[in-house]
Amino acid sequence: FYQLAPMLKADVVFMSPPWGGPEYL
């Protein structure tokens, strides 16, 4: 997505990027 974003257009973007695994807790 980081590379594709400049070529995309939409009404809404939903994002949930990698958090780093369950260790974030």
PDBML (XML) file of the C-alpha atoms, coordinates in Angstrom:
<?xml version="1.0" encoding="UTF-8" ?>
<PDBx:datablock datablockName="MODEL"
   xmlns:PDBx="http://pdbml.pdb.org/schema/pdbx-v50.xsd"
   xmlns:xsi="http://www.w3.org/2001/XMLSchema-instance"
   xsi:schemaLocation="http://pdbml.pdb.org/schema/pdbx-v50.xsd pdbx-v50.xsd">
   <PDBx:atom_siteCategory>
      <PDBx:atom_site id="1">
         <PDBx:B_iso_or_equiv>0.00</PDBx:B_iso_or_equiv>
         <PDBx:Cartn_x>0.000</PDBx:Cartn_x>
         <PDBx:Cartn_y>0.000</PDBx:Cartn_y>
         <PDBx:Cartn_z>0.000</PDBx:Cartn_z>
         <PDBx:auth_asym_id>A</PDBx:auth_asym_id>
         <PDBx:auth_atom_id>CA</PDBx:auth_atom_id>
         <PDBx:auth_comp_id>PHE</PDBx:auth_comp_id>
         <PDBx:auth_seq_id>1</PDBx:auth_seq_id>
         <PDBx:group_PDB>ATOM</PDBx:group_PDB>
         <PDBx:label_alt_id xsi:nil="true" />
         <PDBx:label_asym_id>A</PDBx:label_asym_id>
         <PDBx:label_atom_id>CA</PDBx:label_atom_id>
         <PDBx:label_comp_id>PHE</PDBx:label_comp_id>
         <PDBx:label_entity_id>1</PDBx:label_entity_id>
         <PDBx:label_seq_id>1</PDBx:label_seq_id>
         <PDBx:occupancy>1.00</PDBx:occupancy>
         <PDBx:pdbx_PDB_model_num>1</PDBx:pdbx_PDB_model_num>
         <PDBx:type_symbol>C</PDBx:type_symbol>
      </PDBx:atom_site>
      <PDBx:atom_site id="2">
         <PDBx:B_iso_or_equiv>0.00</PDBx:B_iso_or_equiv>
         <PDBx:Cartn_x>2.833</PDBx:Cartn_x>
         <PDBx:Cartn_y>2.412</PDBx:Cartn_y>
         <PDBx:Cartn_z>0.739</PDBx:Cartn_z>
         <PDBx:auth_asym_id>A</PDBx:auth_asym_id>
         <PDBx:auth_atom_id>CA</PDBx:auth_atom_id>
         <PDBx:auth_comp_id>TYR</PDBx:auth_comp_id>
         <PDBx:auth_seq_id>2</PDBx:auth_seq_id>
         <PDBx:group_PDB>ATOM</PDBx:group_PDB>
         <PDBx:label_alt_id xsi:nil="true" />
         <PDBx:label_asym_id>A</PDBx:label_asym_id>
         <PDBx:label_atom_id>CA</PDBx:label_atom_id>
         <PDBx:label_comp_id>TYR</PDBx:label_comp_id>
         <PDBx:label_entity_id>1</PDBx:label_entity_id>
         <PDBx:label_seq_id>2</PDBx:label_seq_id>
         <PDBx:occupancy>1.00</PDBx:occupancy>
         <PDBx:pdbx_PDB_model_num>1</PDBx:pdbx_PDB_model_num>
         <PDBx:type_symbol>C</PDBx:type_symbol>
      </PDBx:atom_site>
      <PDBx:atom_site id="3">
         <PDBx:B_iso_or_equiv>0.00</PDBx:B_iso_or_equiv>
         <PDBx:Cartn_x>3.977</PDBx:Cartn_x>
         <PDBx:Cartn_y>2.129</PDBx:Cartn_y>
         <PDBx:Cartn_z>-2.878</PDBx:Cartn_z>
         <PDBx:auth_asym_id>A</PDBx:auth_asym_id>
         <PDBx:auth_atom_id>CA</PDBx:auth_atom_id>
         <PDBx:auth_comp_id>GLN</PDBx:auth_comp_id>
         <PDBx:auth_seq_id>3</PDBx:auth_seq_id>
         <PDBx:group_PDB>ATOM</PDBx:group_PDB>
         <PDBx:label_alt_id xsi:nil="true" />
         <PDBx:label_asym_id>A</PDBx:label_asym_id>
         <PDBx:label_atom_id>CA</PDBx:label_atom_id>
         <PDBx:label_comp_id>GLN</PDBx:label_comp_id>
         <PDBx:label_entity_id>1</PDBx:label_entity_id>
         <PDBx:label_seq_id>3</PDBx:label_seq_id>
         <PDBx:occupancy>1.00</PDBx:occupancy>
         <PDBx:pdbx_PDB_model_num>1</PDBx:pdbx_PDB_model_num>
         <PDBx:type_symbol>C</PDBx:type_symbol>
      </PDBx:atom_site>
      <PDBx:atom_site id="4">
         <PDBx:B_iso_or_equiv>0.00</PDBx:B_iso_or_equiv>
         <PDBx:Cartn_x>0.506</PDBx:Cartn_x>
         <PDBx:Cartn_y>1.921</PDBx:Cartn_y>
         <PDBx:Cartn_z>-4.418</PDBx:Cartn_z>
         <PDBx:auth_asym_id>A</PDBx:auth_asym_id>
         <PDBx:auth_atom_id>CA</PDBx:auth_atom_id>
         <PDBx:auth_comp_id>LEU</PDBx:auth_comp_id>
         <PDBx:auth_seq_id>4</PDBx:auth_seq_id>
         <PDBx:group_PDB>ATOM</PDBx:group_PDB>
         <PDBx:label_alt_id xsi:nil="true" />
         <PDBx:label_asym_id>A</PDBx:label_asym_id>
         <PDBx:label_atom_id>CA</PDBx:label_atom_id>
         <PDBx:label_comp_id>LEU</PDBx:label_comp_id>
         <PDBx:label_entity_id>1</PDBx:label_entity_id>
         <PDBx:label_seq_id>4</PDBx:label_seq_id>
         <PDBx:occupancy>1.00</PDBx:occupancy>
         <PDBx:pdbx_PDB_model_num>1</PDBx:pdbx_PDB_model_num>
         <PDBx:type_symbol>C</PDBx:type_symbol>
      </PDBx:atom_site>
      <PDBx:atom_site id="5">
         <PDBx:B_iso_or_equiv>0.00</PDBx:B_iso_or_equiv>
         <PDBx:Cartn_x>-1.083</PDBx:Cartn_x>
         <PDBx:Cartn_y>4.860</PDBx:Cartn_y>
         <PDBx:Cartn_z>-2.591</PDBx:Cartn_z>
         <PDBx:auth_asym_id>A</PDBx:auth_asym_id>
         <PDBx:auth_atom_id>CA</PDBx:auth_atom_id>
         <PDBx:auth_comp_id>ALA</PDBx:auth_comp_id>
         <PDBx:auth_seq_id>5</PDBx:auth_seq_id>
         <PDBx:group_PDB>ATOM</PDBx:group_PDB>
         <PDBx:label_alt_id xsi:nil="true" />
         <PDBx:label_asym_id>A</PDBx:label_asym_id>
         <PDBx:label_atom_id>CA</PDBx:label_atom_id>
         <PDBx:label_comp_id>ALA</PDBx:label_comp_id>
         <PDBx:label_entity_id>1</PDBx:label_entity_id>
         <PDBx:label_seq_id>5</PDBx:label_seq_id>
         <PDBx:occupancy>1.00</PDBx:occupancy>
         <PDBx:pdbx_PDB_model_num>1</PDBx:pdbx_PDB_model_num>
         <PDBx:type_symbol>C</PDBx:type_symbol>
      </PDBx:atom_site>
      <PDBx:atom_site id="6">
         <PDBx:B_iso_or_equiv>0.00</PDBx:B_iso_or_equiv>
         <PDBx:Cartn_x>-0.008</PDBx:Cartn_x>
         <PDBx:Cartn_y>7.586</PDBx:Cartn_y>
         <PDBx:Cartn_z>-5.069</PDBx:Cartn_z>
         <PDBx:auth_asym_id>A</PDBx:auth_asym_id>
         <PDBx:auth_atom_id>CA</PDBx:auth_atom_id>
         <PDBx:auth_comp_id>PRO</PDBx:auth_comp_id>
         <PDBx:auth_seq_id>6</PDBx:auth_seq_id>
         <PDBx:group_PDB>ATOM</PDBx:group_PDB>
         <PDBx:label_alt_id xsi:nil="true" />
         <PDBx:label_asym_id>A</PDBx:label_asym_id>
         <PDBx:label_atom_id>CA</PDBx:label_atom_id>
         <PDBx:label_comp_id>PRO</PDBx:label_comp_id>
         <PDBx:label_entity_id>1</PDBx:label_entity_id>
         <PDBx:label_seq_id>6</PDBx:label_seq_id>
         <PDBx:occupancy>1.00</PDBx:occupancy>
         <PDBx:pdbx_PDB_model_num>1</PDBx:pdbx_PDB_model_num>
         <PDBx:type_symbol>C</PDBx:type_symbol>
      </PDBx:atom_site>
      <PDBx:atom_site id="7">
         <PDBx:B_iso_or_equiv>0.00</PDBx:B_iso_or_equiv>
         <PDBx:Cartn_x>-1.859</PDBx:Cartn_x>
         <PDBx:Cartn_y>5.694</PDBx:Cartn_y>
         <PDBx:Cartn_z>-7.833</PDBx:Cartn_z>
         <PDBx:auth_asym_id>A</PDBx:auth_asym_id>
         <PDBx:auth_atom_id>CA</PDBx:auth_atom_id>
         <PDBx:auth_comp_id>MET</PDBx:auth_comp_id>
         <PDBx:auth_seq_id>7</PDBx:auth_seq_id>
         <PDBx:group_PDB>ATOM</PDBx:group_PDB>
         <PDBx:label_alt_id xsi:nil="true" />
         <PDBx:label_asym_id>A</PDBx:label_asym_id>
         <PDBx:label_atom_id>CA</PDBx:label_atom_id>
         <PDBx:label_comp_id>MET</PDBx:label_comp_id>
         <PDBx:label_entity_id>1</PDBx:label_entity_id>
         <PDBx:label_seq_id>7</PDBx:label_seq_id>
         <PDBx:occupancy>1.00</PDBx:occupancy>
         <PDBx:pdbx_PDB_model_num>1</PDBx:pdbx_PDB_model_num>
         <PDBx:type_symbol>C</PDBx:type_symbol>
      </PDBx:atom_site>
      <PDBx:atom_site id="8">
         <PDBx:B_iso_or_equiv>0.00</PDBx:B_iso_or_equiv>
         <PDBx:Cartn_x>-5.145</PDBx:Cartn_x>
         <PDBx:Cartn_y>5.156</PDBx:Cartn_y>
         <PDBx:Cartn_z>-5.943</PDBx:Cartn_z>
         <PDBx:auth_asym_id>A</PDBx:auth_asym_id>
         <PDBx:auth_atom_id>CA</PDBx:auth_atom_id>
         <PDBx:auth_comp_id>LEU</PDBx:auth_comp_id>
         <PDBx:auth_seq_id>8</PDBx:auth_seq_id>
         <PDBx:group_PDB>ATOM</PDBx:group_PDB>
         <PDBx:label_alt_id xsi:nil="true" />
         <PDBx:label_asym_id>A</PDBx:label_asym_id>
         <PDBx:label_atom_id>CA</PDBx:label_atom_id>
         <PDBx:label_comp_id>LEU</PDBx:label_comp_id>
         <PDBx:label_entity_id>1</PDBx:label_entity_id>
         <PDBx:label_seq_id>8</PDBx:label_seq_id>
         <PDBx:occupancy>1.00</PDBx:occupancy>
         <PDBx:pdbx_PDB_model_num>1</PDBx:pdbx_PDB_model_num>
         <PDBx:type_symbol>C</PDBx:type_symbol>
      </PDBx:atom_site>
      <PDBx:atom_site id="9">
         <PDBx:B_iso_or_equiv>0.00</PDBx:B_iso_or_equiv>
         <PDBx:Cartn_x>-8.294</PDBx:Cartn_x>
         <PDBx:Cartn_y>7.220</PDBx:Cartn_y>
         <PDBx:Cartn_z>-5.434</PDBx:Cartn_z>
         <PDBx:auth_asym_id>A</PDBx:auth_asym_id>
         <PDBx:auth_atom_id>CA</PDBx:auth_atom_id>
         <PDBx:auth_comp_id>LYS</PDBx:auth_comp_id>
         <PDBx:auth_seq_id>9</PDBx:auth_seq_id>
         <PDBx:group_PDB>ATOM</PDBx:group_PDB>
         <PDBx:label_alt_id xsi:nil="true" />
         <PDBx:label_asym_id>A</PDBx:label_asym_id>
         <PDBx:label_atom_id>CA</PDBx:label_atom_id>
         <PDBx:label_comp_id>LYS</PDBx:label_comp_id>
         <PDBx:label_entity_id>1</PDBx:label_entity_id>
         <PDBx:label_seq_id>9</PDBx:label_seq_id>
         <PDBx:occupancy>1.00</PDBx:occupancy>
         <PDBx:pdbx_PDB_model_num>1</PDBx:pdbx_PDB_model_num>
         <PDBx:type_symbol>C</PDBx:type_symbol>
      </PDBx:atom_site>
      <PDBx:atom_site id="10">
         <PDBx:B_iso_or_equiv>0.00</PDBx:B_iso_or_equiv>
         <PDBx:Cartn_x>-11.246</PDBx:Cartn_x>
         <PDBx:Cartn_y>6.264</PDBx:Cartn_y>
         <PDBx:Cartn_z>-3.233</PDBx:Cartn_z>
         <PDBx:auth_asym_id>A</PDBx:auth_asym_id>
         <PDBx:auth_atom_id>CA</PDBx:auth_atom_id>
         <PDBx:auth_comp_id>ALA</PDBx:auth_comp_id>
         <PDBx:auth_seq_id>10</PDBx:auth_seq_id>
         <PDBx:group_PDB>ATOM</PDBx:group_PDB>
         <PDBx:label_alt_id xsi:nil="true" />
         <PDBx:label_asym_id>A</PDBx:label_asym_id>
         <PDBx:label_atom_id>CA</PDBx:label_atom_id>
         <PDBx:label_comp_id>ALA</PDBx:label_comp_id>
         <PDBx:label_entity_id>1</PDBx:label_entity_id>
         <PDBx:label_seq_id>10</PDBx:label_seq_id>
         <PDBx:occupancy>1.00</PDBx:occupancy>
         <PDBx:pdbx_PDB_model_num>1</PDBx:pdbx_PDB_model_num>
         <PDBx:type_symbol>C</PDBx:type_symbol>
      </PDBx:atom_site>
      <PDBx:atom_site id="11">
         <PDBx:B_iso_or_equiv>0.00</PDBx:B_iso_or_equiv>
         <PDBx:Cartn_x>-13.903</PDBx:Cartn_x>
         <PDBx:Cartn_y>7.726</PDBx:Cartn_y>
         <PDBx:Cartn_z>-0.967</PDBx:Cartn_z>
         <PDBx:auth_asym_id>A</PDBx:auth_asym_id>
         <PDBx:auth_atom_id>CA</PDBx:auth_atom_id>
         <PDBx:auth_comp_id>ASP</PDBx:auth_comp_id>
         <PDBx:auth_seq_id>11</PDBx:auth_seq_id>
         <PDBx:group_PDB>ATOM</PDBx:group_PDB>
         <PDBx:label_alt_id xsi:nil="true" />
         <PDBx:label_asym_id>A</PDBx:label_asym_id>
         <PDBx:label_atom_id>CA</PDBx:label_atom_id>
         <PDBx:label_comp_id>ASP</PDBx:label_comp_id>
         <PDBx:label_entity_id>1</PDBx:label_entity_id>
         <PDBx:label_seq_id>11</PDBx:label_seq_id>
         <PDBx:occupancy>1.00</PDBx:occupancy>
         <PDBx:pdbx_PDB_model_num>1</PDBx:pdbx_PDB_model_num>
         <PDBx:type_symbol>C</PDBx:type_symbol>
      </PDBx:atom_site>
      <PDBx:atom_site id="12">
         <PDBx:B_iso_or_equiv>0.00</PDBx:B_iso_or_equiv>
         <PDBx:Cartn_x>-12.461</PDBx:Cartn_x>
         <PDBx:Cartn_y>6.177</PDBx:Cartn_y>
         <PDBx:Cartn_z>2.203</PDBx:Cartn_z>
         <PDBx:auth_asym_id>A</PDBx:auth_asym_id>
         <PDBx:auth_atom_id>CA</PDBx:auth_atom_id>
         <PDBx:auth_comp_id>VAL</PDBx:auth_comp_id>
         <PDBx:auth_seq_id>12</PDBx:auth_seq_id>
         <PDBx:group_PDB>ATOM</PDBx:group_PDB>
         <PDBx:label_alt_id xsi:nil="true" />
         <PDBx:label_asym_id>A</PDBx:label_asym_id>
         <PDBx:label_atom_id>CA</PDBx:label_atom_id>
         <PDBx:label_comp_id>VAL</PDBx:label_comp_id>
         <PDBx:label_entity_id>1</PDBx:label_entity_id>
         <PDBx:label_seq_id>12</PDBx:label_seq_id>
         <PDBx:occupancy>1.00</PDBx:occupancy>
         <PDBx:pdbx_PDB_model_num>1</PDBx:pdbx_PDB_model_num>
         <PDBx:type_symbol>C</PDBx:type_symbol>
      </PDBx:atom_site>
      <PDBx:atom_site id="13">
         <PDBx:B_iso_or_equiv>0.00</PDBx:B_iso_or_equiv>
         <PDBx:Cartn_x>-9.231</PDBx:Cartn_x>
         <PDBx:Cartn_y>4.465</PDBx:Cartn_y>
         <PDBx:Cartn_z>3.247</PDBx:Cartn_z>
         <PDBx:auth_asym_id>A</PDBx:auth_asym_id>
         <PDBx:auth_atom_id>CA</PDBx:auth_atom_id>
         <PDBx:auth_comp_id>VAL</PDBx:auth_comp_id>
         <PDBx:auth_seq_id>13</PDBx:auth_seq_id>
         <PDBx:group_PDB>ATOM</PDBx:group_PDB>
         <PDBx:label_alt_id xsi:nil="true" />
         <PDBx:label_asym_id>A</PDBx:label_asym_id>
         <PDBx:label_atom_id>CA</PDBx:label_atom_id>
         <PDBx:label_comp_id>VAL</PDBx:label_comp_id>
         <PDBx:label_entity_id>1</PDBx:label_entity_id>
         <PDBx:label_seq_id>13</PDBx:label_seq_id>
         <PDBx:occupancy>1.00</PDBx:occupancy>
         <PDBx:pdbx_PDB_model_num>1</PDBx:pdbx_PDB_model_num>
         <PDBx:type_symbol>C</PDBx:type_symbol>
      </PDBx:atom_site>
      <PDBx:atom_site id="14">
         <PDBx:B_iso_or_equiv>0.00</PDBx:B_iso_or_equiv>
         <PDBx:Cartn_x>-9.349</PDBx:Cartn_x>
         <PDBx:Cartn_y>1.892</PDBx:Cartn_y>
         <PDBx:Cartn_z>6.026</PDBx:Cartn_z>
         <PDBx:auth_asym_id>A</PDBx:auth_asym_id>
         <PDBx:auth_atom_id>CA</PDBx:auth_atom_id>
         <PDBx:auth_comp_id>PHE</PDBx:auth_comp_id>
         <PDBx:auth_seq_id>14</PDBx:auth_seq_id>
         <PDBx:group_PDB>ATOM</PDBx:group_PDB>
         <PDBx:label_alt_id xsi:nil="true" />
         <PDBx:label_asym_id>A</PDBx:label_asym_id>
         <PDBx:label_atom_id>CA</PDBx:label_atom_id>
         <PDBx:label_comp_id>PHE</PDBx:label_comp_id>
         <PDBx:label_entity_id>1</PDBx:label_entity_id>
         <PDBx:label_seq_id>14</PDBx:label_seq_id>
         <PDBx:occupancy>1.00</PDBx:occupancy>
         <PDBx:pdbx_PDB_model_num>1</PDBx:pdbx_PDB_model_num>
         <PDBx:type_symbol>C</PDBx:type_symbol>
      </PDBx:atom_site>
      <PDBx:atom_site id="15">
         <PDBx:B_iso_or_equiv>0.00</PDBx:B_iso_or_equiv>
         <PDBx:Cartn_x>-5.986</PDBx:Cartn_x>
         <PDBx:Cartn_y>1.081</PDBx:Cartn_y>
         <PDBx:Cartn_z>7.560</PDBx:Cartn_z>
         <PDBx:auth_asym_id>A</PDBx:auth_asym_id>
         <PDBx:auth_atom_id>CA</PDBx:auth_atom_id>
         <PDBx:auth_comp_id>MET</PDBx:auth_comp_id>
         <PDBx:auth_seq_id>15</PDBx:auth_seq_id>
         <PDBx:group_PDB>ATOM</PDBx:group_PDB>
         <PDBx:label_alt_id xsi:nil="true" />
         <PDBx:label_asym_id>A</PDBx:label_asym_id>
         <PDBx:label_atom_id>CA</PDBx:label_atom_id>
         <PDBx:label_comp_id>MET</PDBx:label_comp_id>
         <PDBx:label_entity_id>1</PDBx:label_entity_id>
         <PDBx:label_seq_id>15</PDBx:label_seq_id>
         <PDBx:occupancy>1.00</PDBx:occupancy>
         <PDBx:pdbx_PDB_model_num>1</PDBx:pdbx_PDB_model_num>
         <PDBx:type_symbol>C</PDBx:type_symbol>
      </PDBx:atom_site>
      <PDBx:atom_site id="16">
         <PDBx:B_iso_or_equiv>0.00</PDBx:B_iso_or_equiv>
         <PDBx:Cartn_x>-4.747</PDBx:Cartn_x>
         <PDBx:Cartn_y>-1.364</PDBx:Cartn_y>
         <PDBx:Cartn_z>10.143</PDBx:Cartn_z>
         <PDBx:auth_asym_id>A</PDBx:auth_asym_id>
         <PDBx:auth_atom_id>CA</PDBx:auth_atom_id>
         <PDBx:auth_comp_id>SER</PDBx:auth_comp_id>
         <PDBx:auth_seq_id>16</PDBx:auth_seq_id>
         <PDBx:group_PDB>ATOM</PDBx:group_PDB>
         <PDBx:label_alt_id xsi:nil="true" />
         <PDBx:label_asym_id>A</PDBx:label_asym_id>
         <PDBx:label_atom_id>CA</PDBx:label_atom_id>
         <PDBx:label_comp_id>SER</PDBx:label_comp_id>
         <PDBx:label_entity_id>1</PDBx:label_entity_id>
         <PDBx:label_seq_id>16</PDBx:label_seq_id>
         <PDBx:occupancy>1.00</PDBx:occupancy>
         <PDBx:pdbx_PDB_model_num>1</PDBx:pdbx_PDB_model_num>
         <PDBx:type_symbol>C</PDBx:type_symbol>
      </PDBx:atom_site>
      <PDBx:atom_site id="17">
         <PDBx:B_iso_or_equiv>0.00</PDBx:B_iso_or_equiv>
         <PDBx:Cartn_x>-0.978</PDBx:Cartn_x>
         <PDBx:Cartn_y>-1.526</PDBx:Cartn_y>
         <PDBx:Cartn_z>9.531</PDBx:Cartn_z>
         <PDBx:auth_asym_id>A</PDBx:auth_asym_id>
         <PDBx:auth_atom_id>CA</PDBx:auth_atom_id>
         <PDBx:auth_comp_id>PRO</PDBx:auth_comp_id>
         <PDBx:auth_seq_id>17</PDBx:auth_seq_id>
         <PDBx:group_PDB>ATOM</PDBx:group_PDB>
         <PDBx:label_alt_id xsi:nil="true" />
         <PDBx:label_asym_id>A</PDBx:label_asym_id>
         <PDBx:label_atom_id>CA</PDBx:label_atom_id>
         <PDBx:label_comp_id>PRO</PDBx:label_comp_id>
         <PDBx:label_entity_id>1</PDBx:label_entity_id>
         <PDBx:label_seq_id>17</PDBx:label_seq_id>
         <PDBx:occupancy>1.00</PDBx:occupancy>
         <PDBx:pdbx_PDB_model_num>1</PDBx:pdbx_PDB_model_num>
         <PDBx:type_symbol>C</PDBx:type_symbol>
      </PDBx:atom_site>
      <PDBx:atom_site id="18">
         <PDBx:B_iso_or_equiv>0.00</PDBx:B_iso_or_equiv>
         <PDBx:Cartn_x>1.161</PDBx:Cartn_x>
         <PDBx:Cartn_y>-4.206</PDBx:Cartn_y>
         <PDBx:Cartn_z>11.193</PDBx:Cartn_z>
         <PDBx:auth_asym_id>A</PDBx:auth_asym_id>
         <PDBx:auth_atom_id>CA</PDBx:auth_atom_id>
         <PDBx:auth_comp_id>PRO</PDBx:auth_comp_id>
         <PDBx:auth_seq_id>18</PDBx:auth_seq_id>
         <PDBx:group_PDB>ATOM</PDBx:group_PDB>
         <PDBx:label_alt_id xsi:nil="true" />
         <PDBx:label_asym_id>A</PDBx:label_asym_id>
         <PDBx:label_atom_id>CA</PDBx:label_atom_id>
         <PDBx:label_comp_id>PRO</PDBx:label_comp_id>
         <PDBx:label_entity_id>1</PDBx:label_entity_id>
         <PDBx:label_seq_id>18</PDBx:label_seq_id>
         <PDBx:occupancy>1.00</PDBx:occupancy>
         <PDBx:pdbx_PDB_model_num>1</PDBx:pdbx_PDB_model_num>
         <PDBx:type_symbol>C</PDBx:type_symbol>
      </PDBx:atom_site>
      <PDBx:atom_site id="19">
         <PDBx:B_iso_or_equiv>0.00</PDBx:B_iso_or_equiv>
         <PDBx:Cartn_x>1.346</PDBx:Cartn_x>
         <PDBx:Cartn_y>-3.608</PDBx:Cartn_y>
         <PDBx:Cartn_z>14.930</PDBx:Cartn_z>
         <PDBx:auth_asym_id>A</PDBx:auth_asym_id>
         <PDBx:auth_atom_id>CA</PDBx:auth_atom_id>
         <PDBx:auth_comp_id>TRP</PDBx:auth_comp_id>
         <PDBx:auth_seq_id>19</PDBx:auth_seq_id>
         <PDBx:group_PDB>ATOM</PDBx:group_PDB>
         <PDBx:label_alt_id xsi:nil="true" />
         <PDBx:label_asym_id>A</PDBx:label_asym_id>
         <PDBx:label_atom_id>CA</PDBx:label_atom_id>
         <PDBx:label_comp_id>TRP</PDBx:label_comp_id>
         <PDBx:label_entity_id>1</PDBx:label_entity_id>
         <PDBx:label_seq_id>19</PDBx:label_seq_id>
         <PDBx:occupancy>1.00</PDBx:occupancy>
         <PDBx:pdbx_PDB_model_num>1</PDBx:pdbx_PDB_model_num>
         <PDBx:type_symbol>C</PDBx:type_symbol>
      </PDBx:atom_site>
      <PDBx:atom_site id="20">
         <PDBx:B_iso_or_equiv>0.00</PDBx:B_iso_or_equiv>
         <PDBx:Cartn_x>4.328</PDBx:Cartn_x>
         <PDBx:Cartn_y>-5.873</PDBx:Cartn_y>
         <PDBx:Cartn_z>15.542</PDBx:Cartn_z>
         <PDBx:auth_asym_id>A</PDBx:auth_asym_id>
         <PDBx:auth_atom_id>CA</PDBx:auth_atom_id>
         <PDBx:auth_comp_id>GLY</PDBx:auth_comp_id>
         <PDBx:auth_seq_id>20</PDBx:auth_seq_id>
         <PDBx:group_PDB>ATOM</PDBx:group_PDB>
         <PDBx:label_alt_id xsi:nil="true" />
         <PDBx:label_asym_id>A</PDBx:label_asym_id>
         <PDBx:label_atom_id>CA</PDBx:label_atom_id>
         <PDBx:label_comp_id>GLY</PDBx:label_comp_id>
         <PDBx:label_entity_id>1</PDBx:label_entity_id>
         <PDBx:label_seq_id>20</PDBx:label_seq_id>
         <PDBx:occupancy>1.00</PDBx:occupancy>
         <PDBx:pdbx_PDB_model_num>1</PDBx:pdbx_PDB_model_num>
         <PDBx:type_symbol>C</PDBx:type_symbol>
      </PDBx:atom_site>
      <PDBx:atom_site id="21">
         <PDBx:B_iso_or_equiv>0.00</PDBx:B_iso_or_equiv>
         <PDBx:Cartn_x>2.522</PDBx:Cartn_x>
         <PDBx:Cartn_y>-9.045</PDBx:Cartn_y>
         <PDBx:Cartn_z>16.636</PDBx:Cartn_z>
         <PDBx:auth_asym_id>A</PDBx:auth_asym_id>
         <PDBx:auth_atom_id>CA</PDBx:auth_atom_id>
         <PDBx:auth_comp_id>GLY</PDBx:auth_comp_id>
         <PDBx:auth_seq_id>21</PDBx:auth_seq_id>
         <PDBx:group_PDB>ATOM</PDBx:group_PDB>
         <PDBx:label_alt_id xsi:nil="true" />
         <PDBx:label_asym_id>A</PDBx:label_asym_id>
         <PDBx:label_atom_id>CA</PDBx:label_atom_id>
         <PDBx:label_comp_id>GLY</PDBx:label_comp_id>
         <PDBx:label_entity_id>1</PDBx:label_entity_id>
         <PDBx:label_seq_id>21</PDBx:label_seq_id>
         <PDBx:occupancy>1.00</PDBx:occupancy>
         <PDBx:pdbx_PDB_model_num>1</PDBx:pdbx_PDB_model_num>
         <PDBx:type_symbol>C</PDBx:type_symbol>
      </PDBx:atom_site>
      <PDBx:atom_site id="22">
         <PDBx:B_iso_or_equiv>0.00</PDBx:B_iso_or_equiv>
         <PDBx:Cartn_x>0.929</PDBx:Cartn_x>
         <PDBx:Cartn_y>-9.733</PDBx:Cartn_y>
         <PDBx:Cartn_z>20.032</PDBx:Cartn_z>
         <PDBx:auth_asym_id>A</PDBx:auth_asym_id>
         <PDBx:auth_atom_id>CA</PDBx:auth_atom_id>
         <PDBx:auth_comp_id>PRO</PDBx:auth_comp_id>
         <PDBx:auth_seq_id>22</PDBx:auth_seq_id>
         <PDBx:group_PDB>ATOM</PDBx:group_PDB>
         <PDBx:label_alt_id xsi:nil="true" />
         <PDBx:label_asym_id>A</PDBx:label_asym_id>
         <PDBx:label_atom_id>CA</PDBx:label_atom_id>
         <PDBx:label_comp_id>PRO</PDBx:label_comp_id>
         <PDBx:label_entity_id>1</PDBx:label_entity_id>
         <PDBx:label_seq_id>22</PDBx:label_seq_id>
         <PDBx:occupancy>1.00</PDBx:occupancy>
         <PDBx:pdbx_PDB_model_num>1</PDBx:pdbx_PDB_model_num>
         <PDBx:type_symbol>C</PDBx:type_symbol>
      </PDBx:atom_site>
      <PDBx:atom_site id="23">
         <PDBx:B_iso_or_equiv>0.00</PDBx:B_iso_or_equiv>
         <PDBx:Cartn_x>4.005</PDBx:Cartn_x>
         <PDBx:Cartn_y>-8.299</PDBx:Cartn_y>
         <PDBx:Cartn_z>21.758</PDBx:Cartn_z>
         <PDBx:auth_asym_id>A</PDBx:auth_asym_id>
         <PDBx:auth_atom_id>CA</PDBx:auth_atom_id>
         <PDBx:auth_comp_id>GLU</PDBx:auth_comp_id>
         <PDBx:auth_seq_id>23</PDBx:auth_seq_id>
         <PDBx:group_PDB>ATOM</PDBx:group_PDB>
         <PDBx:label_alt_id xsi:nil="true" />
         <PDBx:label_asym_id>A</PDBx:label_asym_id>
         <PDBx:label_atom_id>CA</PDBx:label_atom_id>
         <PDBx:label_comp_id>GLU</PDBx:label_comp_id>
         <PDBx:label_entity_id>1</PDBx:label_entity_id>
         <PDBx:label_seq_id>23</PDBx:label_seq_id>
         <PDBx:occupancy>1.00</PDBx:occupancy>
         <PDBx:pdbx_PDB_model_num>1</PDBx:pdbx_PDB_model_num>
         <PDBx:type_symbol>C</PDBx:type_symbol>
      </PDBx:atom_site>
      <PDBx:atom_site id="24">
         <PDBx:B_iso_or_equiv>0.00</PDBx:B_iso_or_equiv>
         <PDBx:Cartn_x>2.402</PDBx:Cartn_x>
         <PDBx:Cartn_y>-4.850</PDBx:Cartn_y>
         <PDBx:Cartn_z>21.528</PDBx:Cartn_z>
         <PDBx:auth_asym_id>A</PDBx:auth_asym_id>
         <PDBx:auth_atom_id>CA</PDBx:auth_atom_id>
         <PDBx:auth_comp_id>TYR</PDBx:auth_comp_id>
         <PDBx:auth_seq_id>24</PDBx:auth_seq_id>
         <PDBx:group_PDB>ATOM</PDBx:group_PDB>
         <PDBx:label_alt_id xsi:nil="true" />
         <PDBx:label_asym_id>A</PDBx:label_asym_id>
         <PDBx:label_atom_id>CA</PDBx:label_atom_id>
         <PDBx:label_comp_id>TYR</PDBx:label_comp_id>
         <PDBx:label_entity_id>1</PDBx:label_entity_id>
         <PDBx:label_seq_id>24</PDBx:label_seq_id>
         <PDBx:occupancy>1.00</PDBx:occupancy>
         <PDBx:pdbx_PDB_model_num>1</PDBx:pdbx_PDB_model_num>
         <PDBx:type_symbol>C</PDBx:type_symbol>
      </PDBx:atom_site>
      <PDBx:atom_site id="25">
         <PDBx:B_iso_or_equiv>0.00</PDBx:B_iso_or_equiv>
         <PDBx:Cartn_x>0.253</PDBx:Cartn_x>
         <PDBx:Cartn_y>-5.827</PDBx:Cartn_y>
         <PDBx:Cartn_z>24.501</PDBx:Cartn_z>
         <PDBx:auth_asym_id>A</PDBx:auth_asym_id>
         <PDBx:auth_atom_id>CA</PDBx:auth_atom_id>
         <PDBx:auth_comp_id>LEU</PDBx:auth_comp_id>
         <PDBx:auth_seq_id>25</PDBx:auth_seq_id>
         <PDBx:group_PDB>ATOM</PDBx:group_PDB>
         <PDBx:label_alt_id xsi:nil="true" />
         <PDBx:label_asym_id>A</PDBx:label_asym_id>
         <PDBx:label_atom_id>CA</PDBx:label_atom_id>
         <PDBx:label_comp_id>LEU</PDBx:label_comp_id>
         <PDBx:label_entity_id>1</PDBx:label_entity_id>
         <PDBx:label_seq_id>25</PDBx:label_seq_id>
         <PDBx:occupancy>1.00</PDBx:occupancy>
         <PDBx:pdbx_PDB_model_num>1</PDBx:pdbx_PDB_model_num>
         <PDBx:type_symbol>C</PDBx:type_symbol>
      </PDBx:atom_site>
   </PDBx:atom_siteCategory>
</PDBx:datablock>
